[in-house]
Amino acid sequence: EALLSTIQSSGQQPRTLLLIDDDQEVLQLFTRMIASSEHDYRILQATDGERGLDLMRDRRPDLVLLDLVMPGMDGRRVLEEKARDKAIRDIPVVVVSSRDPAGDYVVSDRLTVASGGRFSAQSLLACIQAVSGILSQGAVEAP
């Protein structure tokens, strides 16, 4: 809902969206989310910054959803190149990234815990206790 709301509040009625992210699963997820809306968006995809800039120049999307952390040309460089190009500099961009430009995770009001394998009941309980301990320490230390 937040993604679709952001797209709608971009200042215009976008028809063509360009998604730029190096993670194919993220591209698929965003495409499904956007396609499920009541609007008939045309969705373009790029898996790297250079291809994203090429699509901006060739296809002139109405709005770009951009990941900041990508190998090769990252999102920050895409924004710099876009700003230097008079033909595409006015295309609005929404940054959609779980990491900031330094590569650190963006602080959020949500917590995700992932495991390379299955969680046993014992390992799940240990994980919950560890996270609860860390979170409770942060709450006590915060002013």
N, C-alpha and C. Protein backbone atom coordinates (compact mmCIF):
# COMPACT_ATOMS: atom_id res chain seq x y z
N GLU A 1 0.82 -1.20 0.00
CA GLU A 1 0.00 0.00 0.00
C GLU A 1 0.86 1.26 0.00
N ALA A 2 1.95 1.23 0.79
CA ALA A 2 2.82 2.40 0.85
C ALA A 2 3.49 2.66 -0.49
N LEU A 3 3.92 1.60 -1.16
CA LEU A 3 4.54 1.76 -2.47
C LEU A 3 3.56 2.35 -3.47
N LEU A 4 2.37 1.79 -3.54
CA LEU A 4 1.37 2.28 -4.49
C LEU A 4 0.95 3.71 -4.16
N SER A 5 0.86 4.02 -2.89
CA SER A 5 0.51 5.38 -2.48
C SER A 5 1.61 6.37 -2.90
N THR A 6 2.85 5.96 -2.75
CA THR A 6 3.98 6.81 -3.14
C THR A 6 3.96 7.05 -4.65
N ILE A 7 3.68 6.01 -5.41
CA ILE A 7 3.61 6.16 -6.86
C ILE A 7 2.52 7.15 -7.23
N GLN A 8 1.36 7.03 -6.60
CA GLN A 8 0.23 7.92 -6.91
C GLN A 8 0.48 9.35 -6.47
N SER A 9 1.27 9.54 -5.43
CA SER A 9 1.50 10.90 -4.93
C SER A 9 2.77 11.52 -5.52
N SER A 10 3.24 11.00 -6.64
CA SER A 10 4.48 11.49 -7.25
C SER A 10 4.31 12.84 -7.95
N GLY A 11 3.13 13.39 -7.93
CA GLY A 11 2.91 14.70 -8.52
C GLY A 11 2.31 14.65 -9.92
N GLN A 12 2.15 13.49 -10.44
CA GLN A 12 1.54 13.33 -11.76
C GLN A 12 0.84 11.98 -11.79
N GLN A 13 0.20 11.67 -12.87
CA GLN A 13 -0.44 10.36 -13.03
C GLN A 13 0.50 9.50 -13.87
N PRO A 14 1.43 8.78 -13.25
CA PRO A 14 2.39 8.01 -14.04
C PRO A 14 1.73 6.85 -14.78
N ARG A 15 2.23 6.59 -15.97
CA ARG A 15 1.75 5.47 -16.78
C ARG A 15 2.85 4.42 -16.92
N THR A 16 4.09 4.89 -17.13
CA THR A 16 5.21 3.98 -17.31
C THR A 16 6.17 4.12 -16.14
N LEU A 17 6.46 3.00 -15.49
CA LEU A 17 7.36 2.96 -14.35
C LEU A 17 8.61 2.17 -14.71
N LEU A 18 9.75 2.64 -14.25
CA LEU A 18 11.01 1.91 -14.44
C LEU A 18 11.51 1.47 -13.08
N LEU A 19 11.69 0.16 -12.91
CA LEU A 19 12.24 -0.41 -11.69
C LEU A 19 13.70 -0.74 -11.94
N ILE A 20 14.60 -0.21 -11.10
CA ILE A 20 16.03 -0.49 -11.23
C ILE A 20 16.51 -1.13 -9.93
N ASP A 21 16.85 -2.41 -10.01
CA ASP A 21 17.33 -3.15 -8.84
C ASP A 21 18.11 -4.35 -9.33
N ASP A 22 19.22 -4.65 -8.68
CA ASP A 22 20.03 -5.79 -9.11
C ASP A 22 19.47 -7.13 -8.63
N ASP A 23 18.51 -7.11 -7.74
CA ASP A 23 17.92 -8.34 -7.20
C ASP A 23 16.66 -8.69 -8.01
N GLN A 24 16.75 -9.76 -8.76
CA GLN A 24 15.64 -10.18 -9.62
C GLN A 24 14.37 -10.47 -8.82
N GLU A 25 14.53 -11.01 -7.61
CA GLU A 25 13.36 -11.30 -6.77
C GLU A 25 12.65 -10.02 -6.35
N VAL A 26 13.42 -8.98 -6.07
CA VAL A 26 12.82 -7.69 -5.71
C VAL A 26 12.06 -7.12 -6.90
N LEU A 27 12.66 -7.21 -8.08
CA LEU A 27 11.98 -6.74 -9.30
C LEU A 27 10.66 -7.47 -9.50
N GLN A 28 10.67 -8.78 -9.31
CA GLN A 28 9.44 -9.57 -9.46
C GLN A 28 8.41 -9.18 -8.41
N LEU A 29 8.86 -9.01 -7.17
CA LEU A 29 7.94 -8.63 -6.09
C LEU A 29 7.30 -7.28 -6.38
N PHE A 30 8.10 -6.27 -6.72
CA PHE A 30 7.56 -4.95 -7.01
C PHE A 30 6.64 -4.99 -8.22
N THR A 31 7.01 -5.76 -9.23
CA THR A 31 6.17 -5.87 -10.42
C THR A 31 4.81 -6.45 -10.06
N ARG A 32 4.80 -7.51 -9.25
CA ARG A 32 3.52 -8.10 -8.83
C ARG A 32 2.70 -7.12 -8.00
N MET A 33 3.37 -6.41 -7.09
CA MET A 33 2.65 -5.45 -6.25
C MET A 33 2.01 -4.36 -7.11
N ILE A 34 2.77 -3.83 -8.04
CA ILE A 34 2.28 -2.75 -8.89
C ILE A 34 1.19 -3.25 -9.84
N ALA A 35 1.40 -4.44 -10.40
CA ALA A 35 0.42 -5.01 -11.33
C ALA A 35 -0.90 -5.33 -10.63
N SER A 36 -0.86 -5.55 -9.32
CA SER A 36 -2.09 -5.88 -8.59
C SER A 36 -2.94 -4.64 -8.31
N SER A 37 -2.41 -3.47 -8.60
CA SER A 37 -3.18 -2.25 -8.33
C SER A 37 -4.28 -2.09 -9.39
N GLU A 38 -5.15 -1.14 -9.14
CA GLU A 38 -6.25 -0.88 -10.07
C GLU A 38 -5.79 -0.07 -11.28
N HIS A 39 -4.56 0.43 -11.25
CA HIS A 39 -4.03 1.24 -12.36
C HIS A 39 -3.32 0.34 -13.37
N ASP A 40 -3.38 0.74 -14.60
CA ASP A 40 -2.77 -0.04 -15.68
C ASP A 40 -1.40 0.54 -16.00
N TYR A 41 -0.40 0.20 -15.15
CA TYR A 41 0.95 0.71 -15.36
C TYR A 41 1.70 -0.14 -16.37
N ARG A 42 2.55 0.52 -17.13
CA ARG A 42 3.51 -0.19 -17.96
C ARG A 42 4.79 -0.25 -17.14
N ILE A 43 5.34 -1.43 -16.95
CA ILE A 43 6.48 -1.61 -16.07
C ILE A 43 7.71 -2.03 -16.87
N LEU A 44 8.77 -1.25 -16.74
CA LEU A 44 10.06 -1.56 -17.32
C LEU A 44 11.00 -1.97 -16.20
N GLN A 45 11.96 -2.85 -16.51
CA GLN A 45 12.89 -3.32 -15.49
C GLN A 45 14.33 -3.22 -15.98
N ALA A 46 15.22 -2.88 -15.05
CA ALA A 46 16.66 -2.89 -15.31
C ALA A 46 17.35 -3.49 -14.10
N THR A 47 18.34 -4.33 -14.34
CA THR A 47 19.05 -4.98 -13.23
C THR A 47 20.37 -4.31 -12.91
N ASP A 48 20.67 -3.20 -13.56
CA ASP A 48 21.87 -2.44 -13.20
C ASP A 48 21.67 -0.98 -13.59
N GLY A 49 22.51 -0.13 -13.04
CA GLY A 49 22.37 1.31 -13.24
C GLY A 49 22.53 1.76 -14.68
N GLU A 50 23.50 1.19 -15.38
CA GLU A 50 23.73 1.59 -16.77
C GLU A 50 22.51 1.29 -17.65
N ARG A 51 21.95 0.09 -17.47
CA ARG A 51 20.75 -0.27 -18.25
C ARG A 51 19.58 0.63 -17.86
N GLY A 52 19.49 0.97 -16.58
CA GLY A 52 18.44 1.88 -16.13
C GLY A 52 18.53 3.24 -16.80
N LEU A 53 19.75 3.79 -16.90
CA LEU A 53 19.92 5.07 -17.59
C LEU A 53 19.56 4.96 -19.06
N ASP A 54 19.97 3.85 -19.70
CA ASP A 54 19.62 3.65 -21.11
C ASP A 54 18.11 3.63 -21.30
N LEU A 55 17.40 2.94 -20.41
CA LEU A 55 15.93 2.88 -20.52
C LEU A 55 15.30 4.24 -20.26
N MET A 56 15.88 5.01 -19.33
CA MET A 56 15.35 6.36 -19.10
C MET A 56 15.47 7.19 -20.37
N ARG A 57 16.61 7.09 -21.04
CA ARG A 57 16.83 7.88 -22.26
C ARG A 57 15.97 7.40 -23.42
N ASP A 58 15.84 6.08 -23.56
CA ASP A 58 15.12 5.51 -24.70
C ASP A 58 13.60 5.48 -24.52
N ARG A 59 13.14 5.18 -23.31
CA ARG A 59 11.71 4.94 -23.09
C ARG A 59 11.01 6.04 -22.31
N ARG A 60 11.77 6.93 -21.69
CA ARG A 60 11.22 8.08 -20.97
C ARG A 60 10.10 7.71 -19.99
N PRO A 61 10.40 6.90 -18.96
CA PRO A 61 9.36 6.54 -18.00
C PRO A 61 8.87 7.77 -17.24
N ASP A 62 7.68 7.67 -16.68
CA ASP A 62 7.11 8.76 -15.91
C ASP A 62 7.65 8.80 -14.49
N LEU A 63 8.15 7.65 -14.00
CA LEU A 63 8.65 7.55 -12.63
C LEU A 63 9.64 6.39 -12.56
N VAL A 64 10.69 6.57 -11.76
CA VAL A 64 11.70 5.53 -11.57
C VAL A 64 11.71 5.12 -10.11
N LEU A 65 11.71 3.82 -9.86
CA LEU A 65 11.92 3.26 -8.53
C LEU A 65 13.34 2.70 -8.52
N LEU A 66 14.20 3.22 -7.67
CA LEU A 66 15.64 2.97 -7.75
C LEU A 66 16.20 2.41 -6.45
N ASP A 67 16.92 1.30 -6.58
CA ASP A 67 17.69 0.75 -5.47
C ASP A 67 19.01 1.51 -5.41
N LEU A 68 19.49 1.83 -4.22
CA LEU A 68 20.75 2.57 -4.09
C LEU A 68 21.98 1.67 -4.14
N VAL A 69 21.87 0.46 -3.61
CA VAL A 69 23.04 -0.40 -3.49
C VAL A 69 22.99 -1.49 -4.54
N MET A 70 23.85 -1.32 -5.57
CA MET A 70 23.95 -2.28 -6.66
C MET A 70 25.42 -2.38 -7.05
N PRO A 71 25.83 -3.53 -7.54
CA PRO A 71 27.21 -3.63 -8.03
C PRO A 71 27.38 -2.81 -9.30
N GLY A 72 28.60 -2.44 -9.60
CA GLY A 72 28.84 -1.62 -10.79
C GLY A 72 28.38 -0.20 -10.53
N MET A 73 27.48 0.29 -11.33
CA MET A 73 26.94 1.64 -11.15
C MET A 73 25.83 1.59 -10.11
N ASP A 74 26.10 2.14 -8.93
CA ASP A 74 25.09 2.11 -7.87
C ASP A 74 24.07 3.22 -8.07
N GLY A 75 23.06 3.23 -7.22
CA GLY A 75 21.97 4.19 -7.34
C GLY A 75 22.42 5.63 -7.23
N ARG A 76 23.41 5.90 -6.41
CA ARG A 76 23.89 7.27 -6.26
C ARG A 76 24.51 7.76 -7.58
N ARG A 77 25.27 6.90 -8.23
CA ARG A 77 25.86 7.29 -9.52
C ARG A 77 24.79 7.45 -10.59
N VAL A 78 23.75 6.61 -10.53
CA VAL A 78 22.63 6.76 -11.47
C VAL A 78 22.02 8.15 -11.30
N LEU A 79 21.81 8.56 -10.06
CA LEU A 79 21.22 9.88 -9.80
C LEU A 79 22.14 11.00 -10.29
N GLU A 80 23.46 10.84 -10.11
CA GLU A 80 24.41 11.85 -10.58
C GLU A 80 24.38 11.96 -12.10
N GLU A 81 24.41 10.81 -12.79
CA GLU A 81 24.39 10.81 -14.25
C GLU A 81 23.07 11.38 -14.77
N LYS A 82 21.99 11.02 -14.13
CA LYS A 82 20.66 11.50 -14.52
C LYS A 82 20.60 13.02 -14.38
N ALA A 83 21.16 13.55 -13.30
CA ALA A 83 21.13 14.99 -13.06
C ALA A 83 21.93 15.76 -14.11
N ARG A 84 22.96 15.14 -14.68
CA ARG A 84 23.78 15.79 -15.70
C ARG A 84 23.16 15.74 -17.10
N ASP A 85 22.17 14.90 -17.29
CA ASP A 85 21.57 14.70 -18.61
C ASP A 85 20.26 15.50 -18.69
N LYS A 86 20.26 16.57 -19.49
CA LYS A 86 19.08 17.44 -19.59
C LYS A 86 17.84 16.69 -20.06
N ALA A 87 18.02 15.65 -20.85
CA ALA A 87 16.88 14.92 -21.41
C ALA A 87 16.12 14.11 -20.36
N ILE A 88 16.79 13.71 -19.29
CA ILE A 88 16.13 12.83 -18.30
C ILE A 88 16.16 13.39 -16.88
N ARG A 89 16.77 14.53 -16.67
CA ARG A 89 16.94 15.02 -15.30
C ARG A 89 15.63 15.28 -14.57
N ASP A 90 14.55 15.53 -15.29
CA ASP A 90 13.28 15.86 -14.65
C ASP A 90 12.40 14.64 -14.36
N ILE A 91 12.86 13.46 -14.71
CA ILE A 91 12.08 12.25 -14.39
C ILE A 91 12.16 12.04 -12.89
N PRO A 92 11.02 11.96 -12.21
CA PRO A 92 11.04 11.76 -10.75
C PRO A 92 11.56 10.36 -10.39
N VAL A 93 12.26 10.31 -9.24
CA VAL A 93 12.84 9.06 -8.75
C VAL A 93 12.39 8.84 -7.32
N VAL A 94 11.97 7.61 -7.03
CA VAL A 94 11.68 7.18 -5.67
C VAL A 94 12.74 6.16 -5.30
N VAL A 95 13.48 6.43 -4.24
CA VAL A 95 14.51 5.49 -3.79
C VAL A 95 13.83 4.40 -2.98
N VAL A 96 14.06 3.17 -3.40
CA VAL A 96 13.49 2.00 -2.72
C VAL A 96 14.66 1.09 -2.43
N SER A 97 15.14 1.12 -1.19
CA SER A 97 16.35 0.38 -0.88
C SER A 97 16.32 -0.05 0.58
N SER A 98 16.85 -1.24 0.85
CA SER A 98 16.95 -1.69 2.23
C SER A 98 18.29 -1.28 2.83
N ARG A 99 19.18 -0.73 2.00
CA ARG A 99 20.48 -0.27 2.48
C ARG A 99 20.71 1.17 2.04
N ASP A 100 21.47 1.89 2.86
CA ASP A 100 21.80 3.26 2.49
C ASP A 100 23.02 3.25 1.56
N PRO A 101 23.43 4.39 1.02
CA PRO A 101 24.54 4.40 0.06
C PRO A 101 25.85 3.84 0.61
N ALA A 102 26.04 3.87 1.94
CA ALA A 102 27.25 3.30 2.54
C ALA A 102 27.17 1.78 2.65
N GLY A 103 26.00 1.21 2.34
CA GLY A 103 25.84 -0.24 2.43
C GLY A 103 25.26 -0.71 3.74
N ASP A 104 25.01 0.22 4.67
CA ASP A 104 24.41 -0.14 5.95
C ASP A 104 22.91 -0.30 5.78
N TYR A 105 22.33 -1.19 6.57
CA TYR A 105 20.88 -1.36 6.49
C TYR A 105 20.18 -0.11 6.97
N VAL A 106 19.08 0.21 6.31
CA VAL A 106 18.27 1.35 6.69
C VAL A 106 17.52 1.01 7.97
N VAL A 107 17.55 1.95 8.91
CA VAL A 107 16.84 1.73 10.17
C VAL A 107 15.35 1.83 9.90
N SER A 108 14.59 0.93 10.46
CA SER A 108 13.17 0.85 10.19
C SER A 108 12.43 0.51 11.47
N ASP A 109 11.12 0.54 11.41
CA ASP A 109 10.31 0.14 12.55
C ASP A 109 9.99 -1.35 12.48
N ARG A 110 10.66 -2.06 11.60
CA ARG A 110 10.44 -3.50 11.45
C ARG A 110 11.75 -4.24 11.61
N LEU A 111 11.65 -5.48 12.01
CA LEU A 111 12.82 -6.33 12.20
C LEU A 111 12.61 -7.62 11.43
N THR A 112 13.63 -8.01 10.69
CA THR A 112 13.56 -9.27 9.95
C THR A 112 14.71 -10.14 10.41
N VAL A 113 14.41 -11.38 10.68
CA VAL A 113 15.43 -12.36 11.06
C VAL A 113 15.40 -13.44 10.00
N ALA A 114 16.56 -13.75 9.44
CA ALA A 114 16.64 -14.77 8.40
C ALA A 114 17.64 -15.84 8.81
N SER A 115 17.41 -17.03 8.35
CA SER A 115 18.30 -18.14 8.62
C SER A 115 18.58 -18.86 7.32
N GLY A 116 19.81 -19.37 7.20
CA GLY A 116 20.16 -20.11 6.00
C GLY A 116 19.48 -21.47 5.95
N GLY A 117 19.00 -21.93 7.08
CA GLY A 117 18.33 -23.23 7.14
C GLY A 117 17.03 -23.11 7.90
N ARG A 118 16.57 -24.22 8.41
CA ARG A 118 15.32 -24.22 9.18
C ARG A 118 15.58 -23.81 10.62
N PHE A 119 14.54 -23.26 11.22
CA PHE A 119 14.58 -22.96 12.65
C PHE A 119 14.00 -24.14 13.41
N SER A 120 14.75 -24.68 14.35
CA SER A 120 14.17 -25.65 15.26
C SER A 120 13.47 -24.85 16.35
N ALA A 121 12.64 -25.49 17.12
CA ALA A 121 11.96 -24.80 18.22
C ALA A 121 12.99 -24.21 19.18
N GLN A 122 14.03 -24.96 19.44
CA GLN A 122 15.07 -24.50 20.37
C GLN A 122 15.84 -23.31 19.79
N SER A 123 16.22 -23.36 18.51
CA SER A 123 16.96 -22.24 17.92
C SER A 123 16.06 -21.01 17.76
N LEU A 124 14.78 -21.22 17.48
CA LEU A 124 13.85 -20.10 17.39
C LEU A 124 13.70 -19.41 18.74
N LEU A 125 13.57 -20.18 19.80
CA LEU A 125 13.46 -19.61 21.13
C LEU A 125 14.74 -18.85 21.50
N ALA A 126 15.90 -19.42 21.19
CA ALA A 126 17.17 -18.75 21.48
C ALA A 126 17.27 -17.44 20.70
N CYS A 127 16.82 -17.44 19.46
CA CYS A 127 16.84 -16.24 18.64
C CYS A 127 15.92 -15.16 19.23
N ILE A 128 14.72 -15.55 19.62
CA ILE A 128 13.77 -14.60 20.21
C ILE A 128 14.34 -14.01 21.49
N GLN A 129 14.96 -14.85 22.31
CA GLN A 129 15.55 -14.35 23.56
C GLN A 129 16.70 -13.38 23.27
N ALA A 130 17.53 -13.70 22.30
CA ALA A 130 18.67 -12.84 21.98
C ALA A 130 18.18 -11.49 21.45
N VAL A 131 17.23 -11.50 20.53
CA VAL A 131 16.71 -10.26 19.97
C VAL A 131 15.99 -9.46 21.04
N SER A 132 15.22 -10.12 21.88
CA SER A 132 14.51 -9.42 22.96
C SER A 132 15.50 -8.76 23.91
N GLY A 133 16.59 -9.45 24.21
CA GLY A 133 17.61 -8.88 25.09
C GLY A 133 18.24 -7.65 24.48
N ILE A 134 18.55 -7.71 23.20
CA ILE A 134 19.16 -6.57 22.52
C ILE A 134 18.18 -5.40 22.47
N LEU A 135 16.94 -5.67 22.12
CA LEU A 135 15.94 -4.61 22.02
C LEU A 135 15.64 -3.98 23.37
N SER A 136 15.59 -4.78 24.42
CA SER A 136 15.30 -4.23 25.74
C SER A 136 16.48 -3.39 26.26
N GLN A 137 17.71 -3.75 25.91
CA GLN A 137 18.86 -2.92 26.29
C GLN A 137 18.80 -1.58 25.60
N GLY A 138 18.42 -1.60 24.31
CA GLY A 138 18.32 -0.34 23.55
C GLY A 138 17.25 0.56 24.12
N ALA A 139 16.14 -0.01 24.58
CA ALA A 139 15.05 0.78 25.13
C ALA A 139 15.47 1.43 26.44
N VAL A 140 16.28 0.72 27.25
CA VAL A 140 16.72 1.26 28.52
C VAL A 140 17.74 2.37 28.30
N GLU A 141 18.62 2.22 27.30
CA GLU A 141 19.66 3.18 27.04
C GLU A 141 19.18 4.43 26.32
N ALA A 142 18.05 4.33 25.65
CA ALA A 142 17.55 5.48 24.89
C ALA A 142 17.08 6.57 25.84
N PRO A 143 17.31 7.84 25.52
CA PRO A 143 16.87 8.94 26.40
C PRO A 143 15.34 9.02 26.46
